[in-house]
Amino acid sequence: MAAEVHRYKVGDIEVTVLSDGFRMVPVNGNYLSNASADDLAKALAAAGQPTDKMKNTYSPIVLTTGGKRVLFDTGNGSAAAAESNNERGTLNAHLAEAGIDRNAIDVVVISHFHADHVNGLLMPDNSKAFPNAEIKVPENEWKFWMDDGEMSRASKGRMTELFANNRRVFGALDRKVTPYAWDKEVVPGVTAVGTRLSTCSPTSATMSRCSRRIRTGTASSIRIRRRPPPPAARSTICWWPKSCRCRAITSRSRRSPGSRSRATVIAWCRRQACRE
């Protein structure tokens, strides 16, 4: 399988992680709110990465669950592939490599309304990228970005650009979406869990079997419900070396232009298995 496609199973749910490319972002003393520029440079160097820029990657996920093929977030869109010389906006190409027909996607679940999550709903000609899919969006995000009063009060620059882009994208879809609520099942076996961090009400996708989770968005989670094993057997494998309590924890806090607060990467600590 192509290096940009990774497939595995969690119980009876098949997970396919697909690359939508990346963006190289310059870093400076303002990039992190909870660490110094020197700390960041040391961490990047230790990971064999450039110390003056961060490679921000995009990784939408397809779940096959309950007889449905569900895409979580859509990336930057195919138009961005041409603009960036295929640096990003590559989701559709990698769907094809994975043997997934975009016309066969049954449901698209949007986590929040930043361009790198919603622009992939459209093809370069503004036609539907997933013409047969039901589009599900967080109800709080939809209410905020489609509110004319909120738009009239938006600060010029990043916020007005986001309002314009979201209305462009969803206008091309005739605003035909299904809002979903936090703590409710959004597709079979998957429940949305919100955290108010990156935008008005982001819902990135986290998947779990019992307490083990993976993340596909910026700031909240979607948990797969399964009958839990006895408490002593419940564990989460994480990657963040501090404060691991088998739940979503902040591993990187970056002030994101146009966000109401800090964008957060949800992470889990790999040092040890720990109980919830």
C-alpha atoms as a PDB file:
ATOM      1  CA  MET A   1       0.000   0.000   0.000  1.00  0.00           C
ATOM      2  CA  ALA A   2       1.193   3.502  -0.745  1.00  0.00           C
ATOM      3  CA  ALA A   3       3.148   5.267   1.994  1.00  0.00           C
ATOM      4  CA  GLU A   4       0.457   7.967   2.114  1.00  0.00           C
ATOM      5  CA  VAL A   5      -2.212   5.405   3.033  1.00  0.00           C
ATOM      6  CA  HIS A   6      -2.324   3.458   6.296  1.00  0.00           C
ATOM      7  CA  ARG A   7      -5.009   0.873   7.065  1.00  0.00           C
ATOM      8  CA  TYR A   8      -5.798  -1.129  10.176  1.00  0.00           C
ATOM      9  CA  LYS A   9      -8.774  -2.313  12.246  1.00  0.00           C
ATOM     10  CA  VAL A  10     -10.202  -1.444  15.635  1.00  0.00           C
ATOM     11  CA  GLY A  11     -12.581  -4.255  16.468  1.00  0.00           C
ATOM     12  CA  ASP A  12     -14.853  -4.658  13.461  1.00  0.00           C
ATOM     13  CA  ILE A  13     -14.271  -1.096  12.244  1.00  0.00           C
ATOM     14  CA  GLU A  14     -11.784  -0.623   9.419  1.00  0.00           C
ATOM     15  CA  VAL A  15      -9.698   2.539   9.620  1.00  0.00           C
ATOM     16  CA  THR A  16      -7.961   4.070   6.609  1.00  0.00           C
ATOM     17  CA  VAL A  17      -5.714   7.074   7.256  1.00  0.00           C
ATOM     18  CA  LEU A  18      -4.987   9.129   4.143  1.00  0.00           C
ATOM     19  CA  SER A  19      -2.593  11.993   3.589  1.00  0.00           C
ATOM     20  CA  ASP A  20      -3.855  15.314   2.286  1.00  0.00           C
ATOM     21  CA  GLY A  21      -0.290  16.588   2.165  1.00  0.00           C
ATOM     22  CA  PHE A  22       1.388  19.188   4.340  1.00  0.00           C
ATOM     23  CA  ARG A  23       2.255  22.828   4.819  1.00  0.00           C
ATOM     24  CA  MET A  24       5.635  24.113   6.002  1.00  0.00           C
ATOM     25  CA  VAL A  25       5.008  26.832   8.599  1.00  0.00           C
ATOM     26  CA  PRO A  26       7.745  29.176   9.879  1.00  0.00           C
ATOM     27  CA  VAL A  27       8.182  29.026  13.643  1.00  0.00           C
ATOM     28  CA  ASN A  28       9.282  31.702  16.059  1.00  0.00           C
ATOM     29  CA  GLY A  29       8.938  32.647  19.699  1.00  0.00           C
ATOM     30  CA  ASN A  30       5.178  33.067  19.317  1.00  0.00           C
ATOM     31  CA  TYR A  31       4.500  29.664  17.799  1.00  0.00           C
ATOM     32  CA  LEU A  32       3.963  27.876  21.126  1.00  0.00           C
ATOM     33  CA  SER A  33       2.266  29.303  24.177  1.00  0.00           C
ATOM     34  CA  ASN A  34       3.584  26.670  26.585  1.00  0.00           C
ATOM     35  CA  ALA A  35       7.232  26.354  25.519  1.00  0.00           C
ATOM     36  CA  SER A  36      10.057  28.657  24.481  1.00  0.00           C
ATOM     37  CA  ALA A  37      11.496  28.959  20.995  1.00  0.00           C
ATOM     38  CA  ASP A  38      14.677  27.262  22.253  1.00  0.00           C
ATOM     39  CA  ASP A  39      12.687  24.333  23.637  1.00  0.00           C
ATOM     40  CA  LEU A  40      10.907  23.971  20.317  1.00  0.00           C
ATOM     41  CA  ALA A  41      14.168  24.137  18.349  1.00  0.00           C
ATOM     42  CA  LYS A  42      15.695  21.422  20.541  1.00  0.00           C
ATOM     43  CA  ALA A  43      12.657  19.187  20.134  1.00  0.00           C
ATOM     44  CA  LEU A  44      12.660  19.632  16.357  1.00  0.00           C
ATOM     45  CA  ALA A  45      16.393  18.945  16.142  1.00  0.00           C
ATOM     46  CA  ALA A  46      16.023  15.810  18.273  1.00  0.00           C
ATOM     47  CA  ALA A  47      13.357  14.603  15.856  1.00  0.00           C
ATOM     48  CA  GLY A  48      15.625  15.248  12.870  1.00  0.00           C
ATOM     49  CA  GLN A  49      13.453  18.109  11.648  1.00  0.00           C
ATOM     50  CA  PRO A  50      14.380  21.637  10.522  1.00  0.00           C
ATOM     51  CA  THR A  51      14.449  24.038  13.459  1.00  0.00           C
ATOM     52  CA  ASP A  52      13.096  27.086  11.627  1.00  0.00           C
ATOM     53  CA  LYS A  53       9.840  25.617  10.361  1.00  0.00           C
ATOM     54  CA  MET A  54       7.187  23.074  11.262  1.00  0.00           C
ATOM     55  CA  LYS A  55       5.737  20.510   8.904  1.00  0.00           C
ATOM     56  CA  ASN A  56       1.999  20.579   9.565  1.00  0.00           C
ATOM     57  CA  THR A  57       0.413  17.498   8.033  1.00  0.00           C
ATOM     58  CA  TYR A  58      -3.194  16.770   7.115  1.00  0.00           C
ATOM     59  CA  SER A  59      -4.598  13.266   7.595  1.00  0.00           C
ATOM     60  CA  PRO A  60      -8.308  12.676   6.963  1.00  0.00           C
ATOM     61  CA  ILE A  61      -9.640   9.276   7.996  1.00  0.00           C
ATOM     62  CA  VAL A  62     -12.141   6.916   6.415  1.00  0.00           C
ATOM     63  CA  LEU A  63     -14.006   4.496   8.665  1.00  0.00           C
ATOM     64  CA  THR A  64     -15.967   1.527   7.405  1.00  0.00           C
ATOM     65  CA  THR A  65     -18.592   1.011  10.090  1.00  0.00           C
ATOM     66  CA  GLY A  66     -22.165  -0.226  10.152  1.00  0.00           C
ATOM     67  CA  GLY A  67     -22.059  -0.914   6.435  1.00  0.00           C
ATOM     68  CA  LYS A  68     -21.192   2.698   5.697  1.00  0.00           C
ATOM     69  CA  ARG A  69     -18.019   4.340   4.446  1.00  0.00           C
ATOM     70  CA  VAL A  70     -17.483   7.514   6.462  1.00  0.00           C
ATOM     71  CA  LEU A  71     -14.930  10.244   5.754  1.00  0.00           C
ATOM     72  CA  PHE A  72     -13.843  12.476   8.627  1.00  0.00           C
ATOM     73  CA  ASP A  73     -12.824  15.887   7.258  1.00  0.00           C
ATOM     74  CA  THR A  74     -11.918  16.570   3.654  1.00  0.00           C
ATOM     75  CA  GLY A  75      -8.582  18.381   3.651  1.00  0.00           C
ATOM     76  CA  ASN A  76      -7.592  21.387   1.588  1.00  0.00           C
ATOM     77  CA  GLY A  77      -9.331  20.395  -1.636  1.00  0.00           C
ATOM     78  CA  SER A  78      -8.092  19.423  -5.079  1.00  0.00           C
ATOM     79  CA  ALA A  79      -7.806  23.076  -6.090  1.00  0.00           C
ATOM     80  CA  ALA A  80      -5.055  23.436  -3.479  1.00  0.00           C
ATOM     81  CA  ALA A  81      -3.099  20.603  -5.102  1.00  0.00           C
ATOM     82  CA  ALA A  82      -2.653  22.633  -8.279  1.00  0.00           C
ATOM     83  CA  GLU A  83      -1.849  25.800  -6.322  1.00  0.00           C
ATOM     84  CA  SER A  84       0.767  24.079  -4.143  1.00  0.00           C
ATOM     85  CA  ASN A  85       2.338  21.769  -6.749  1.00  0.00           C
ATOM     86  CA  ASN A  86       0.744  18.782  -4.969  1.00  0.00           C
ATOM     87  CA  GLU A  87       2.186  19.690  -1.587  1.00  0.00           C
ATOM     88  CA  ARG A  88      -1.344  19.574  -0.134  1.00  0.00           C
ATOM     89  CA  GLY A  89      -4.863  18.891  -1.372  1.00  0.00           C
ATOM     90  CA  THR A  90      -3.961  15.301  -2.266  1.00  0.00           C
ATOM     91  CA  LEU A  91      -6.787  13.464  -0.484  1.00  0.00           C
ATOM     92  CA  ASN A  92      -8.679  12.451  -3.629  1.00  0.00           C
ATOM     93  CA  ALA A  93      -5.542  11.034  -5.220  1.00  0.00           C
ATOM     94  CA  HIS A  94      -4.816   8.992  -2.120  1.00  0.00           C
ATOM     95  CA  LEU A  95      -8.414   7.809  -1.879  1.00  0.00           C
ATOM     96  CA  ALA A  96      -7.946   6.374  -5.359  1.00  0.00           C
ATOM     97  CA  GLU A  97      -4.649   4.754  -4.326  1.00  0.00           C
ATOM     98  CA  ALA A  98      -6.455   3.151  -1.392  1.00  0.00           C
ATOM     99  CA  GLY A  99      -9.103   1.759  -3.742  1.00  0.00           C
ATOM    100  CA  ILE A 100     -11.813   4.037  -2.346  1.00  0.00           C
ATOM    101  CA  ASP A 101     -14.131   5.664  -4.887  1.00  0.00           C
ATOM    102  CA  ARG A 102     -15.037   9.143  -3.636  1.00  0.00           C
ATOM    103  CA  ASN A 103     -18.491   8.595  -5.162  1.00  0.00           C
ATOM    104  CA  ALA A 104     -18.934   5.662  -2.762  1.00  0.00           C
ATOM    105  CA  ILE A 105     -18.469   7.746   0.387  1.00  0.00           C
ATOM    106  CA  ASP A 106     -21.767   7.516   2.289  1.00  0.00           C
ATOM    107  CA  VAL A 107     -21.180  10.150   4.982  1.00  0.00           C
ATOM    108  CA  VAL A 108     -18.746  13.031   5.432  1.00  0.00           C
ATOM    109  CA  VAL A 109     -18.309  14.217   9.025  1.00  0.00           C
ATOM    110  CA  ILE A 110     -16.802  17.689   9.365  1.00  0.00           C
ATOM    111  CA  SER A 111     -14.985  18.465  12.602  1.00  0.00           C
ATOM    112  CA  HIS A 112     -14.855  22.264  12.319  1.00  0.00           C
ATOM    113  CA  PHE A 113     -14.948  24.973   9.702  1.00  0.00           C
ATOM    114  CA  HIS A 114     -11.331  25.815   8.926  1.00  0.00           C
ATOM    115  CA  ALA A 115     -10.394  25.658   5.250  1.00  0.00           C
ATOM    116  CA  ASP A 116      -8.141  22.619   5.610  1.00  0.00           C
ATOM    117  CA  HIS A 117     -11.159  20.664   6.860  1.00  0.00           C
ATOM    118  CA  VAL A 118     -13.986  21.883   4.581  1.00  0.00           C
ATOM    119  CA  ASN A 119     -12.451  22.947   1.262  1.00  0.00           C
ATOM    120  CA  GLY A 120     -12.184  19.344   0.118  1.00  0.00           C
ATOM    121  CA  LEU A 121     -15.976  19.165  -0.045  1.00  0.00           C
ATOM    122  CA  LEU A 122     -15.672  20.790  -3.472  1.00  0.00           C
ATOM    123  CA  MET A 123     -13.818  19.990  -6.675  1.00  0.00           C
ATOM    124  CA  PRO A 124     -11.931  22.805  -8.463  1.00  0.00           C
ATOM    125  CA  ASP A 125     -15.034  23.536 -10.553  1.00  0.00           C
ATOM    126  CA  ASN A 126     -17.119  23.861  -7.350  1.00  0.00           C
ATOM    127  CA  SER A 127     -18.948  20.598  -7.985  1.00  0.00           C
ATOM    128  CA  LYS A 128     -19.453  18.169  -5.100  1.00  0.00           C
ATOM    129  CA  ALA A 129     -16.386  16.089  -4.326  1.00  0.00           C
ATOM    130  CA  PHE A 130     -18.545  13.473  -2.609  1.00  0.00           C
ATOM    131  CA  PRO A 131     -21.821  13.697  -4.530  1.00  0.00           C
ATOM    132  CA  ASN A 132     -23.574  10.779  -2.842  1.00  0.00           C
ATOM    133  CA  ALA A 133     -22.584  11.565   0.731  1.00  0.00           C
ATOM    134  CA  GLU A 134     -24.614  13.038   3.540  1.00  0.00           C
ATOM    135  CA  ILE A 135     -22.626  15.955   4.983  1.00  0.00           C
ATOM    136  CA  LYS A 136     -22.681  16.135   8.771  1.00  0.00           C
ATOM    137  CA  VAL A 137     -21.450  19.232  10.607  1.00  0.00           C
ATOM    138  CA  PRO A 138     -21.250  20.267  14.279  1.00  0.00           C
ATOM    139  CA  GLU A 139     -24.441  22.120  15.103  1.00  0.00           C
ATOM    140  CA  ASN A 140     -22.633  24.860  17.051  1.00  0.00           C
ATOM    141  CA  GLU A 141     -20.173  25.490  14.225  1.00  0.00           C
ATOM    142  CA  TRP A 142     -23.005  25.680  11.712  1.00  0.00           C
ATOM    143  CA  LYS A 143     -24.970  28.111  13.873  1.00  0.00           C
ATOM    144  CA  PHE A 144     -21.947  30.401  14.349  1.00  0.00           C
ATOM    145  CA  TRP A 145     -20.599  30.558  10.782  1.00  0.00           C
ATOM    146  CA  MET A 146     -24.032  30.848   9.125  1.00  0.00           C
ATOM    147  CA  ASP A 147     -25.178  33.624  11.480  1.00  0.00           C
ATOM    148  CA  ASP A 148     -25.322  36.962   9.661  1.00  0.00           C
ATOM    149  CA  GLY A 149     -25.004  38.829  12.955  1.00  0.00           C
ATOM    150  CA  GLU A 150     -21.786  37.009  13.839  1.00  0.00           C
ATOM    151  CA  MET A 151     -20.446  37.737  10.363  1.00  0.00           C
ATOM    152  CA  SER A 152     -21.243  41.438  10.704  1.00  0.00           C
ATOM    153  CA  ARG A 153     -19.239  41.577  13.935  1.00  0.00           C
ATOM    154  CA  ALA A 154     -16.245  39.611  12.632  1.00  0.00           C
ATOM    155  CA  SER A 155     -12.872  41.332  12.775  1.00  0.00           C
ATOM    156  CA  LYS A 156     -11.382  42.070   9.366  1.00  0.00           C
ATOM    157  CA  GLY A 157      -8.752  39.722   8.078  1.00  0.00           C
ATOM    158  CA  ARG A 158      -8.657  36.084   9.099  1.00  0.00           C
ATOM    159  CA  MET A 159     -12.197  36.006  10.535  1.00  0.00           C
ATOM    160  CA  THR A 160     -13.884  37.713   7.596  1.00  0.00           C
ATOM    161  CA  GLU A 161     -11.953  35.397   5.268  1.00  0.00           C
ATOM    162  CA  LEU A 162     -13.241  32.361   7.164  1.00  0.00           C
ATOM    163  CA  PHE A 163     -16.828  33.568   6.997  1.00  0.00           C
ATOM    164  CA  ALA A 164     -16.491  34.165   3.249  1.00  0.00           C
ATOM    165  CA  ASN A 165     -14.864  30.792   2.622  1.00  0.00           C
ATOM    166  CA  ASN A 166     -17.382  28.821   4.665  1.00  0.00           C
ATOM    167  CA  ARG A 167     -20.299  30.486   2.942  1.00  0.00           C
ATOM    168  CA  ARG A 168     -18.671  29.849  -0.443  1.00  0.00           C
ATOM    169  CA  VAL A 169     -18.183  26.142   0.291  1.00  0.00           C
ATOM    170  CA  PHE A 170     -21.547  25.430   1.867  1.00  0.00           C
ATOM    171  CA  GLY A 171     -23.339  27.723  -0.565  1.00  0.00           C
ATOM    172  CA  ALA A 172     -22.059  25.526  -3.386  1.00  0.00           C
ATOM    173  CA  LEU A 173     -23.681  22.616  -1.541  1.00  0.00           C
ATOM    174  CA  ASP A 174     -26.956  24.598  -1.250  1.00  0.00           C
ATOM    175  CA  ARG A 175     -26.354  24.409   2.503  1.00  0.00           C
ATOM    176  CA  LYS A 176     -27.613  20.831   2.482  1.00  0.00           C
ATOM    177  CA  VAL A 177     -26.052  19.521   5.676  1.00  0.00           C
ATOM    178  CA  THR A 178     -27.120  17.547   8.712  1.00  0.00           C
ATOM    179  CA  PRO A 179     -26.070  19.212  11.988  1.00  0.00           C
ATOM    180  CA  TYR A 180     -24.975  16.851  14.748  1.00  0.00           C
ATOM    181  CA  ALA A 181     -24.661  17.336  18.489  1.00  0.00           C
ATOM    182  CA  TRP A 182     -21.851  16.464  20.867  1.00  0.00           C
ATOM    183  CA  ASP A 183     -22.222  13.310  22.955  1.00  0.00           C
ATOM    184  CA  LYS A 184     -24.543  11.806  20.362  1.00  0.00           C
ATOM    185  CA  GLU A 185     -23.904   9.009  17.876  1.00  0.00           C
ATOM    186  CA  VAL A 186     -22.886  10.618  14.591  1.00  0.00           C
ATOM    187  CA  VAL A 187     -22.522   7.385  12.580  1.00  0.00           C
ATOM    188  CA  PRO A 188     -23.032   3.771  13.696  1.00  0.00           C
ATOM    189  CA  GLY A 189     -20.834   3.049  16.692  1.00  0.00           C
ATOM    190  CA  VAL A 190     -19.227   6.479  16.778  1.00  0.00           C
ATOM    191  CA  THR A 191     -20.053   9.272  19.215  1.00  0.00           C
ATOM    192  CA  ALA A 192     -18.977  12.908  18.861  1.00  0.00           C
ATOM    193  CA  VAL A 193     -17.156  14.464  21.805  1.00  0.00           C
ATOM    194  CA  GLY A 194     -16.574  18.222  21.663  1.00  0.00           C
ATOM    195  CA  THR A 195     -13.927  20.510  23.118  1.00  0.00           C
ATOM    196  CA  ARG A 196     -14.115  24.282  22.768  1.00  0.00           C
ATOM    197  CA  LEU A 197     -10.605  25.044  21.570  1.00  0.00           C
ATOM    198  CA  SER A 198      -9.757  25.674  17.941  1.00  0.00           C
ATOM    199  CA  THR A 199     -12.852  27.333  16.480  1.00  0.00           C
ATOM    200  CA  CYS A 200     -16.346  28.048  17.690  1.00  0.00           C
ATOM    201  CA  SER A 201     -16.970  24.371  18.534  1.00  0.00           C
ATOM    202  CA  PRO A 202     -14.503  21.990  16.911  1.00  0.00           C
ATOM    203  CA  THR A 203     -15.109  18.262  16.720  1.00  0.00           C
ATOM    204  CA  SER A 204     -12.052  16.525  15.357  1.00  0.00           C
ATOM    205  CA  ALA A 205     -12.206  12.796  15.122  1.00  0.00           C
ATOM    206  CA  THR A 206     -10.823  10.538  17.749  1.00  0.00           C
ATOM    207  CA  MET A 207     -11.545   6.878  17.579  1.00  0.00           C
ATOM    208  CA  SER A 208     -11.258   4.378  20.383  1.00  0.00           C
ATOM    209  CA  ARG A 209     -11.869   0.820  21.315  1.00  0.00           C
ATOM    210  CA  CYS A 210     -12.720   1.069  24.990  1.00  0.00           C
ATOM    211  CA  SER A 211     -10.235   3.803  25.944  1.00  0.00           C
ATOM    212  CA  ARG A 212      -7.694   3.580  23.147  1.00  0.00           C
ATOM    213  CA  ARG A 213      -8.020   6.522  20.768  1.00  0.00           C
ATOM    214  CA  ILE A 214      -6.715   8.021  17.576  1.00  0.00           C
ATOM    215  CA  ARG A 215      -7.198  11.576  16.386  1.00  0.00           C
ATOM    216  CA  THR A 216      -8.206  13.053  13.041  1.00  0.00           C
ATOM    217  CA  GLY A 217      -8.934  16.682  13.636  1.00  0.00           C
ATOM    218  CA  THR A 218      -7.802  19.614  15.648  1.00  0.00           C
ATOM    219  CA  ALA A 219      -9.503  19.682  18.946  1.00  0.00           C
ATOM    220  CA  SER A 220     -12.167  17.227  19.950  1.00  0.00           C
ATOM    221  CA  SER A 221     -12.951  13.610  19.617  1.00  0.00           C
ATOM    222  CA  ILE A 222     -15.191  10.925  18.267  1.00  0.00           C
ATOM    223  CA  ARG A 223     -15.178   7.780  20.339  1.00  0.00           C
ATOM    224  CA  ILE A 224     -16.217   4.353  19.145  1.00  0.00           C
ATOM    225  CA  ARG A 225     -18.508   2.711  21.670  1.00  0.00           C
ATOM    226  CA  ARG A 226     -17.748  -0.891  22.555  1.00  0.00           C
ATOM    227  CA  ARG A 227     -18.512  -2.976  25.614  1.00  0.00           C
ATOM    228  CA  PRO A 228     -15.631  -2.195  27.994  1.00  0.00           C
ATOM    229  CA  PRO A 229     -13.415  -4.900  29.457  1.00  0.00           C
ATOM    230  CA  PRO A 230     -12.882  -5.071  33.237  1.00  0.00           C
ATOM    231  CA  PRO A 231     -11.306  -1.830  34.584  1.00  0.00           C
ATOM    232  CA  ALA A 232      -7.939  -3.483  35.220  1.00  0.00           C
ATOM    233  CA  ALA A 233      -7.656  -4.365  31.540  1.00  0.00           C
ATOM    234  CA  ARG A 234      -8.492  -0.917  30.199  1.00  0.00           C
ATOM    235  CA  SER A 235      -5.496   0.968  28.883  1.00  0.00           C
ATOM    236  CA  THR A 236      -4.527   3.713  26.507  1.00  0.00           C
ATOM    237  CA  ILE A 237      -1.284   3.950  24.583  1.00  0.00           C
ATOM    238  CA  CYS A 238      -0.202   7.575  24.327  1.00  0.00           C
ATOM    239  CA  TRP A 239       2.660   9.660  23.012  1.00  0.00           C
ATOM    240  CA  TRP A 240       2.834  12.669  25.334  1.00  0.00           C
ATOM    241  CA  PRO A 241       5.262  12.117  28.231  1.00  0.00           C
ATOM    242  CA  LYS A 242       3.349  14.147  30.817  1.00  0.00           C
ATOM    243  CA  SER A 243      -0.017  14.039  32.553  1.00  0.00           C
ATOM    244  CA  CYS A 244      -1.181  10.844  30.899  1.00  0.00           C
ATOM    245  CA  ARG A 245      -4.564   9.894  32.325  1.00  0.00           C
ATOM    246  CA  CYS A 246      -5.933   7.933  29.385  1.00  0.00           C
ATOM    247  CA  ARG A 247      -7.878  10.837  28.014  1.00  0.00           C
ATOM    248  CA  ALA A 248      -7.356  13.465  25.390  1.00  0.00           C
ATOM    249  CA  ILE A 249      -4.623  15.811  26.595  1.00  0.00           C
ATOM    250  CA  THR A 250      -2.991  18.856  25.098  1.00  0.00           C
ATOM    251  CA  SER A 251       0.374  18.140  23.528  1.00  0.00           C
ATOM    252  CA  ARG A 252       0.811  21.335  21.535  1.00  0.00           C
ATOM    253  CA  SER A 253      -0.904  24.661  22.046  1.00  0.00           C
ATOM    254  CA  ARG A 254      -0.463  26.994  19.101  1.00  0.00           C
ATOM    255  CA  ARG A 255      -2.271  30.279  18.819  1.00  0.00           C
ATOM    256  CA  SER A 256      -4.243  29.950  15.618  1.00  0.00           C
ATOM    257  CA  PRO A 257      -5.259  33.104  13.711  1.00  0.00           C
ATOM    258  CA  GLY A 258      -8.992  33.263  13.423  1.00  0.00           C
ATOM    259  CA  SER A 259      -9.575  30.955  16.352  1.00  0.00           C
ATOM    260  CA  ARG A 260     -11.389  31.922  19.507  1.00  0.00           C
ATOM    261  CA  SER A 261      -8.729  30.231  21.586  1.00  0.00           C
ATOM    262  CA  ARG A 262      -5.763  27.926  21.134  1.00  0.00           C
ATOM    263  CA  ALA A 263      -5.602  25.135  18.602  1.00  0.00           C
ATOM    264  CA  THR A 264      -4.820  21.897  20.362  1.00  0.00           C
ATOM    265  CA  VAL A 265      -3.453  18.597  19.223  1.00  0.00           C
ATOM    266  CA  ILE A 266      -4.976  15.731  21.159  1.00  0.00           C
ATOM    267  CA  ALA A 267      -2.368  13.149  22.063  1.00  0.00           C
ATOM    268  CA  TRP A 268      -1.732  10.068  24.129  1.00  0.00           C
ATOM    269  CA  CYS A 269       1.399   9.053  25.975  1.00  0.00           C
ATOM    270  CA  ARG A 270       3.522   6.154  24.689  1.00  0.00           C
ATOM    271  CA  ARG A 271       5.687   5.795  27.772  1.00  0.00           C
ATOM    272  CA  GLN A 272       3.389   3.264  29.351  1.00  0.00           C
ATOM    273  CA  ALA A 273      -0.054   1.736  29.343  1.00  0.00           C
ATOM    274  CA  CYS A 274      -2.148   3.576  31.889  1.00  0.00           C
ATOM    275  CA  ARG A 275      -5.607   3.042  33.227  1.00  0.00           C
ATOM    276  CA  GLU A 276      -8.570   5.266  32.794  1.00  0.00           C
END
